Amino acid sequence: MKLLLAGLVLILLVETHAQWFRFPIEAAQGAGDMVSAYRDMRKANWKNSDKYFHARGNYDAAQRGPGGRWAAKFISDGRENFNKIRGRDAKDLAADRRANEWGRNGGNPNRYRPRGLPRRY
């Protein structure tokens, strides 16, 4: 019985530590998802599509795990704070923030997809 209990404790410890090491990898992959969404937005050059790409980048990054979610929040909040300093419209910033949070919380990015945007995006 003691051996079984010791084995369970060991498995729990190993598993807990193993997940900690995935965080930086997830963060890097999540940052890559954010860059990919930004590049697609620039390439698409489609009117009123920025909220969709905000939501999609955050969604894709958050799907990586806690590290990806952290990267999405860090990048999104940094971008929004920079735009606030530059004097961008507060209503537009609030809409961007809602799209970011929607995607990061697992909401379907297609909620913000504009009509006619080609499917490759």
N, C-alpha and C. Protein backbone atom coordinates (compact mmCIF):
# COMPACT_ATOMS: atom_id res chain seq x y z
N MET A 1 0.82 -1.19 0.00
CA MET A 1 0.00 0.00 0.00
C MET A 1 0.86 1.25 0.00
N LYS A 2 1.93 1.23 0.83
CA LYS A 2 2.82 2.38 0.89
C LYS A 2 3.52 2.58 -0.46
N LEU A 3 3.87 1.49 -1.10
CA LEU A 3 4.53 1.56 -2.39
C LEU A 3 3.60 2.17 -3.45
N LEU A 4 2.34 1.79 -3.42
CA LEU A 4 1.35 2.33 -4.34
C LEU A 4 1.17 3.83 -4.10
N LEU A 5 1.05 4.23 -2.86
CA LEU A 5 0.90 5.63 -2.50
C LEU A 5 2.13 6.44 -2.94
N ALA A 6 3.31 5.91 -2.70
CA ALA A 6 4.55 6.58 -3.12
C ALA A 6 4.59 6.72 -4.64
N GLY A 7 4.14 5.71 -5.35
CA GLY A 7 4.11 5.77 -6.81
C GLY A 7 3.16 6.84 -7.31
N LEU A 8 1.98 6.96 -6.69
CA LEU A 8 1.02 8.00 -7.08
C LEU A 8 1.56 9.40 -6.82
N VAL A 9 2.21 9.59 -5.69
CA VAL A 9 2.80 10.88 -5.36
C VAL A 9 3.90 11.22 -6.38
N LEU A 10 4.72 10.26 -6.71
CA LEU A 10 5.78 10.48 -7.68
C LEU A 10 5.21 10.86 -9.05
N ILE A 11 4.17 10.17 -9.49
CA ILE A 11 3.53 10.48 -10.78
C ILE A 11 2.96 11.90 -10.75
N LEU A 12 2.32 12.27 -9.66
CA LEU A 12 1.77 13.63 -9.54
C LEU A 12 2.87 14.68 -9.62
N LEU A 13 3.96 14.45 -8.92
CA LEU A 13 5.07 15.42 -8.94
C LEU A 13 5.68 15.54 -10.33
N VAL A 14 5.91 14.43 -10.97
CA VAL A 14 6.51 14.45 -12.30
C VAL A 14 5.59 15.14 -13.29
N GLU A 15 4.32 14.82 -13.26
CA GLU A 15 3.36 15.42 -14.19
C GLU A 15 3.24 16.92 -13.97
N THR A 16 3.22 17.36 -12.72
CA THR A 16 3.12 18.79 -12.42
C THR A 16 4.33 19.53 -12.96
N HIS A 17 5.50 19.00 -12.75
CA HIS A 17 6.71 19.65 -13.24
C HIS A 17 6.81 19.59 -14.75
N ALA A 18 6.35 18.53 -15.34
CA ALA A 18 6.42 18.39 -16.80
C ALA A 18 5.56 19.46 -17.48
N GLN A 19 4.42 19.80 -16.91
CA GLN A 19 3.57 20.82 -17.50
C GLN A 19 4.19 22.20 -17.39
N TRP A 20 4.96 22.46 -16.36
CA TRP A 20 5.60 23.75 -16.19
C TRP A 20 6.55 24.04 -17.35
N PHE A 21 7.23 23.03 -17.83
CA PHE A 21 8.20 23.22 -18.91
C PHE A 21 7.53 23.50 -20.25
N ARG A 22 6.25 23.21 -20.37
CA ARG A 22 5.56 23.47 -21.64
C ARG A 22 5.18 24.94 -21.80
N PHE A 23 5.11 25.69 -20.71
CA PHE A 23 4.66 27.08 -20.75
C PHE A 23 5.46 27.93 -21.74
N PRO A 24 6.80 27.93 -21.68
CA PRO A 24 7.55 28.78 -22.63
C PRO A 24 7.36 28.35 -24.09
N ILE A 25 7.20 27.07 -24.31
CA ILE A 25 6.98 26.59 -25.68
C ILE A 25 5.62 27.05 -26.17
N GLU A 26 4.60 26.92 -25.32
CA GLU A 26 3.27 27.39 -25.68
C GLU A 26 3.27 28.90 -25.93
N ALA A 27 4.02 29.64 -25.10
CA ALA A 27 4.09 31.10 -25.27
C ALA A 27 4.72 31.45 -26.61
N ALA A 28 5.78 30.77 -26.98
CA ALA A 28 6.43 31.04 -28.27
C ALA A 28 5.50 30.68 -29.43
N GLN A 29 4.82 29.56 -29.33
CA GLN A 29 3.88 29.17 -30.38
C GLN A 29 2.71 30.15 -30.45
N GLY A 30 2.23 30.60 -29.30
CA GLY A 30 1.15 31.57 -29.26
C GLY A 30 1.56 32.90 -29.88
N ALA A 31 2.78 33.32 -29.60
CA ALA A 31 3.29 34.55 -30.23
C ALA A 31 3.34 34.37 -31.75
N GLY A 32 3.73 33.19 -32.19
CA GLY A 32 3.73 32.90 -33.63
C GLY A 32 2.33 32.97 -34.23
N ASP A 33 1.33 32.51 -33.48
CA ASP A 33 -0.06 32.61 -33.94
C ASP A 33 -0.49 34.06 -34.08
N MET A 34 -0.06 34.88 -33.14
CA MET A 34 -0.40 36.32 -33.19
C MET A 34 0.25 36.97 -34.41
N VAL A 35 1.50 36.63 -34.67
CA VAL A 35 2.20 37.17 -35.84
C VAL A 35 1.53 36.70 -37.12
N SER A 36 1.13 35.46 -37.16
CA SER A 36 0.46 34.90 -38.33
C SER A 36 -0.85 35.63 -38.63
N ALA A 37 -1.63 35.89 -37.58
CA ALA A 37 -2.89 36.62 -37.77
C ALA A 37 -2.62 38.04 -38.26
N TYR A 38 -1.58 38.68 -37.72
CA TYR A 38 -1.23 40.03 -38.16
C TYR A 38 -0.82 40.04 -39.63
N ARG A 39 0.00 39.08 -40.02
CA ARG A 39 0.42 39.00 -41.43
C ARG A 39 -0.77 38.75 -42.35
N ASP A 40 -1.67 37.87 -41.93
CA ASP A 40 -2.86 37.62 -42.74
C ASP A 40 -3.72 38.87 -42.87
N MET A 41 -3.82 39.65 -41.79
CA MET A 41 -4.60 40.88 -41.84
C MET A 41 -3.99 41.87 -42.84
N ARG A 42 -2.67 41.99 -42.79
CA ARG A 42 -1.99 42.90 -43.72
C ARG A 42 -2.13 42.41 -45.16
N LYS A 43 -2.02 41.10 -45.35
CA LYS A 43 -2.12 40.52 -46.68
C LYS A 43 -3.54 40.63 -47.24
N ALA A 44 -4.53 40.40 -46.39
CA ALA A 44 -5.93 40.46 -46.84
C ALA A 44 -6.31 41.88 -47.22
N ASN A 45 -5.85 42.86 -46.44
CA ASN A 45 -6.13 44.27 -46.72
C ASN A 45 -7.63 44.47 -46.98
N TRP A 46 -8.45 43.95 -46.06
CA TRP A 46 -9.91 43.93 -46.22
C TRP A 46 -10.54 44.91 -45.25
N LYS A 47 -11.43 45.71 -45.75
CA LYS A 47 -12.07 46.73 -44.93
C LYS A 47 -12.87 46.09 -43.77
N ASN A 48 -12.74 46.68 -42.59
CA ASN A 48 -13.45 46.25 -41.38
C ASN A 48 -13.14 44.81 -40.96
N SER A 49 -11.93 44.36 -41.22
CA SER A 49 -11.59 42.99 -40.85
C SER A 49 -10.67 42.91 -39.62
N ASP A 50 -10.24 44.04 -39.10
CA ASP A 50 -9.26 43.99 -38.02
C ASP A 50 -9.77 43.29 -36.77
N LYS A 51 -11.04 43.44 -36.44
CA LYS A 51 -11.57 42.78 -35.24
C LYS A 51 -11.53 41.26 -35.40
N TYR A 52 -11.81 40.80 -36.62
CA TYR A 52 -11.75 39.36 -36.89
C TYR A 52 -10.33 38.84 -36.65
N PHE A 53 -9.34 39.55 -37.17
CA PHE A 53 -7.96 39.08 -37.02
C PHE A 53 -7.48 39.20 -35.57
N HIS A 54 -7.98 40.20 -34.84
CA HIS A 54 -7.68 40.29 -33.41
C HIS A 54 -8.21 39.04 -32.71
N ALA A 55 -9.47 38.73 -32.95
CA ALA A 55 -10.10 37.57 -32.30
C ALA A 55 -9.42 36.27 -32.72
N ARG A 56 -9.09 36.14 -34.01
CA ARG A 56 -8.48 34.90 -34.49
C ARG A 56 -7.09 34.69 -33.91
N GLY A 57 -6.29 35.74 -33.87
CA GLY A 57 -4.94 35.61 -33.31
C GLY A 57 -4.99 35.20 -31.85
N ASN A 58 -5.87 35.83 -31.08
CA ASN A 58 -6.00 35.51 -29.66
C ASN A 58 -6.56 34.10 -29.47
N TYR A 59 -7.52 33.72 -30.30
CA TYR A 59 -8.11 32.39 -30.20
C TYR A 59 -7.04 31.32 -30.47
N ASP A 60 -6.34 31.46 -31.59
CA ASP A 60 -5.32 30.47 -31.96
C ASP A 60 -4.25 30.35 -30.89
N ALA A 61 -3.80 31.50 -30.37
CA ALA A 61 -2.75 31.48 -29.36
C ALA A 61 -3.25 30.82 -28.07
N ALA A 62 -4.45 31.16 -27.65
CA ALA A 62 -4.99 30.61 -26.40
C ALA A 62 -5.21 29.10 -26.50
N GLN A 63 -5.45 28.59 -27.70
CA GLN A 63 -5.64 27.15 -27.87
C GLN A 63 -4.36 26.36 -27.60
N ARG A 64 -3.22 27.04 -27.57
CA ARG A 64 -1.94 26.38 -27.29
C ARG A 64 -1.81 25.96 -25.83
N GLY A 65 -2.55 26.64 -24.95
CA GLY A 65 -2.46 26.36 -23.52
C GLY A 65 -2.19 27.63 -22.75
N PRO A 66 -1.86 27.49 -21.46
CA PRO A 66 -1.65 28.67 -20.62
C PRO A 66 -0.56 29.61 -21.14
N GLY A 67 0.50 29.07 -21.69
CA GLY A 67 1.57 29.91 -22.24
C GLY A 67 1.09 30.71 -23.44
N GLY A 68 0.32 30.09 -24.30
CA GLY A 68 -0.22 30.80 -25.46
C GLY A 68 -1.21 31.86 -25.07
N ARG A 69 -2.02 31.56 -24.07
CA ARG A 69 -2.98 32.55 -23.56
C ARG A 69 -2.24 33.76 -22.98
N TRP A 70 -1.17 33.49 -22.23
CA TRP A 70 -0.37 34.57 -21.67
C TRP A 70 0.23 35.43 -22.78
N ALA A 71 0.79 34.79 -23.80
CA ALA A 71 1.41 35.53 -24.91
C ALA A 71 0.37 36.39 -25.62
N ALA A 72 -0.82 35.84 -25.85
CA ALA A 72 -1.88 36.60 -26.51
C ALA A 72 -2.26 37.83 -25.70
N LYS A 73 -2.40 37.67 -24.40
CA LYS A 73 -2.76 38.80 -23.54
C LYS A 73 -1.64 39.83 -23.52
N PHE A 74 -0.41 39.37 -23.38
CA PHE A 74 0.74 40.28 -23.33
C PHE A 74 0.86 41.09 -24.62
N ILE A 75 0.77 40.43 -25.75
CA ILE A 75 0.91 41.11 -27.04
C ILE A 75 -0.28 42.04 -27.29
N SER A 76 -1.49 41.55 -27.05
CA SER A 76 -2.69 42.36 -27.30
C SER A 76 -2.73 43.60 -26.41
N ASP A 77 -2.48 43.40 -25.12
CA ASP A 77 -2.52 44.54 -24.21
C ASP A 77 -1.42 45.53 -24.53
N GLY A 78 -0.25 45.03 -24.89
CA GLY A 78 0.84 45.93 -25.26
C GLY A 78 0.50 46.75 -26.49
N ARG A 79 -0.07 46.11 -27.48
CA ARG A 79 -0.46 46.81 -28.71
C ARG A 79 -1.53 47.85 -28.42
N GLU A 80 -2.52 47.48 -27.61
CA GLU A 80 -3.60 48.43 -27.30
C GLU A 80 -3.08 49.61 -26.48
N ASN A 81 -2.19 49.36 -25.53
CA ASN A 81 -1.62 50.45 -24.74
C ASN A 81 -0.78 51.38 -25.61
N PHE A 82 -0.03 50.82 -26.53
CA PHE A 82 0.75 51.64 -27.46
C PHE A 82 -0.17 52.50 -28.32
N ASN A 83 -1.25 51.92 -28.81
CA ASN A 83 -2.20 52.68 -29.63
C ASN A 83 -2.91 53.75 -28.82
N LYS A 84 -3.13 53.49 -27.55
CA LYS A 84 -3.74 54.49 -26.67
C LYS A 84 -2.81 55.70 -26.52
N ILE A 85 -1.53 55.43 -26.33
CA ILE A 85 -0.54 56.50 -26.22
C ILE A 85 -0.49 57.32 -27.51
N ARG A 86 -0.63 56.64 -28.64
CA ARG A 86 -0.60 57.32 -29.94
C ARG A 86 -1.86 58.14 -30.19
N GLY A 87 -2.87 58.00 -29.32
CA GLY A 87 -4.07 58.82 -29.43
C GLY A 87 -5.16 58.23 -30.30
N ARG A 88 -5.18 56.92 -30.45
CA ARG A 88 -6.22 56.28 -31.24
C ARG A 88 -7.58 56.39 -30.55
N ASP A 89 -8.63 56.36 -31.31
CA ASP A 89 -10.00 56.52 -30.81
C ASP A 89 -10.33 55.50 -29.72
N ALA A 90 -10.86 55.99 -28.60
CA ALA A 90 -11.15 55.14 -27.45
C ALA A 90 -12.20 54.08 -27.77
N LYS A 91 -13.20 54.41 -28.59
CA LYS A 91 -14.23 53.42 -28.95
C LYS A 91 -13.63 52.29 -29.76
N ASP A 92 -12.74 52.62 -30.68
CA ASP A 92 -12.10 51.59 -31.49
C ASP A 92 -11.20 50.70 -30.63
N LEU A 93 -10.49 51.33 -29.69
CA LEU A 93 -9.65 50.54 -28.78
C LEU A 93 -10.49 49.59 -27.93
N ALA A 94 -11.64 50.07 -27.46
CA ALA A 94 -12.53 49.21 -26.66
C ALA A 94 -13.06 48.05 -27.49
N ALA A 95 -13.39 48.31 -28.74
CA ALA A 95 -13.87 47.24 -29.62
C ALA A 95 -12.76 46.22 -29.88
N ASP A 96 -11.53 46.69 -30.07
CA ASP A 96 -10.40 45.77 -30.25
C ASP A 96 -10.22 44.91 -29.00
N ARG A 97 -10.32 45.54 -27.85
CA ARG A 97 -10.14 44.80 -26.59
C ARG A 97 -11.20 43.72 -26.42
N ARG A 98 -12.46 44.05 -26.79
CA ARG A 98 -13.53 43.04 -26.71
C ARG A 98 -13.26 41.87 -27.65
N ALA A 99 -12.79 42.17 -28.87
CA ALA A 99 -12.47 41.10 -29.83
C ALA A 99 -11.32 40.24 -29.32
N ASN A 100 -10.31 40.89 -28.73
CA ASN A 100 -9.18 40.14 -28.16
C ASN A 100 -9.66 39.19 -27.07
N GLU A 101 -10.46 39.70 -26.16
CA GLU A 101 -10.94 38.87 -25.05
C GLU A 101 -11.87 37.77 -25.53
N TRP A 102 -12.70 38.08 -26.54
CA TRP A 102 -13.60 37.07 -27.10
C TRP A 102 -12.79 35.87 -27.62
N GLY A 103 -11.79 36.15 -28.42
CA GLY A 103 -10.97 35.08 -28.97
C GLY A 103 -10.18 34.35 -27.90
N ARG A 104 -9.59 35.11 -26.98
CA ARG A 104 -8.77 34.51 -25.93
C ARG A 104 -9.58 33.62 -25.00
N ASN A 105 -10.86 33.93 -24.83
CA ASN A 105 -11.73 33.13 -23.97
C ASN A 105 -12.41 31.98 -24.71
N GLY A 106 -11.99 31.71 -25.95
CA GLY A 106 -12.50 30.56 -26.68
C GLY A 106 -13.69 30.85 -27.57
N GLY A 107 -14.07 32.12 -27.71
CA GLY A 107 -15.19 32.46 -28.59
C GLY A 107 -14.80 32.29 -30.05
N ASN A 108 -15.76 31.95 -30.87
CA ASN A 108 -15.52 31.74 -32.31
C ASN A 108 -15.15 33.07 -32.97
N PRO A 109 -13.95 33.16 -33.56
CA PRO A 109 -13.53 34.41 -34.20
C PRO A 109 -14.43 34.83 -35.36
N ASN A 110 -15.15 33.88 -35.95
CA ASN A 110 -16.02 34.21 -37.08
C ASN A 110 -17.14 35.16 -36.72
N ARG A 111 -17.35 35.37 -35.44
CA ARG A 111 -18.33 36.37 -34.99
C ARG A 111 -17.96 37.74 -35.56
N TYR A 112 -16.68 37.99 -35.73
CA TYR A 112 -16.19 39.28 -36.22
C TYR A 112 -15.80 39.26 -37.69
N ARG A 113 -16.01 38.14 -38.35
CA ARG A 113 -15.58 38.00 -39.75
C ARG A 113 -16.46 38.86 -40.66
N PRO A 114 -15.84 39.74 -41.45
CA PRO A 114 -16.64 40.58 -42.36
C PRO A 114 -17.12 39.78 -43.56
N ARG A 115 -18.25 40.19 -44.11
CA ARG A 115 -18.78 39.53 -45.31
C ARG A 115 -17.81 39.68 -46.46
N GLY A 116 -17.66 38.59 -47.19
CA GLY A 116 -16.85 38.62 -48.39
C GLY A 116 -15.37 38.35 -48.18
N LEU A 117 -14.90 38.30 -46.93
CA LEU A 117 -13.49 38.01 -46.67
C LEU A 117 -13.19 36.60 -47.21
N PRO A 118 -12.20 36.48 -48.09
CA PRO A 118 -11.91 35.15 -48.67
C PRO A 118 -11.64 34.11 -47.57
N ARG A 119 -12.06 32.87 -47.83
CA ARG A 119 -11.96 31.78 -46.87
C ARG A 119 -10.52 31.45 -46.48
N ARG A 120 -9.55 31.78 -47.32
CA ARG A 120 -8.16 31.44 -46.99
C ARG A 120 -7.69 32.19 -45.75
N TYR A 121 -8.46 33.18 -45.34
CA TYR A 121 -8.11 33.93 -44.12
C TYR A 121 -9.02 33.46 -43.04
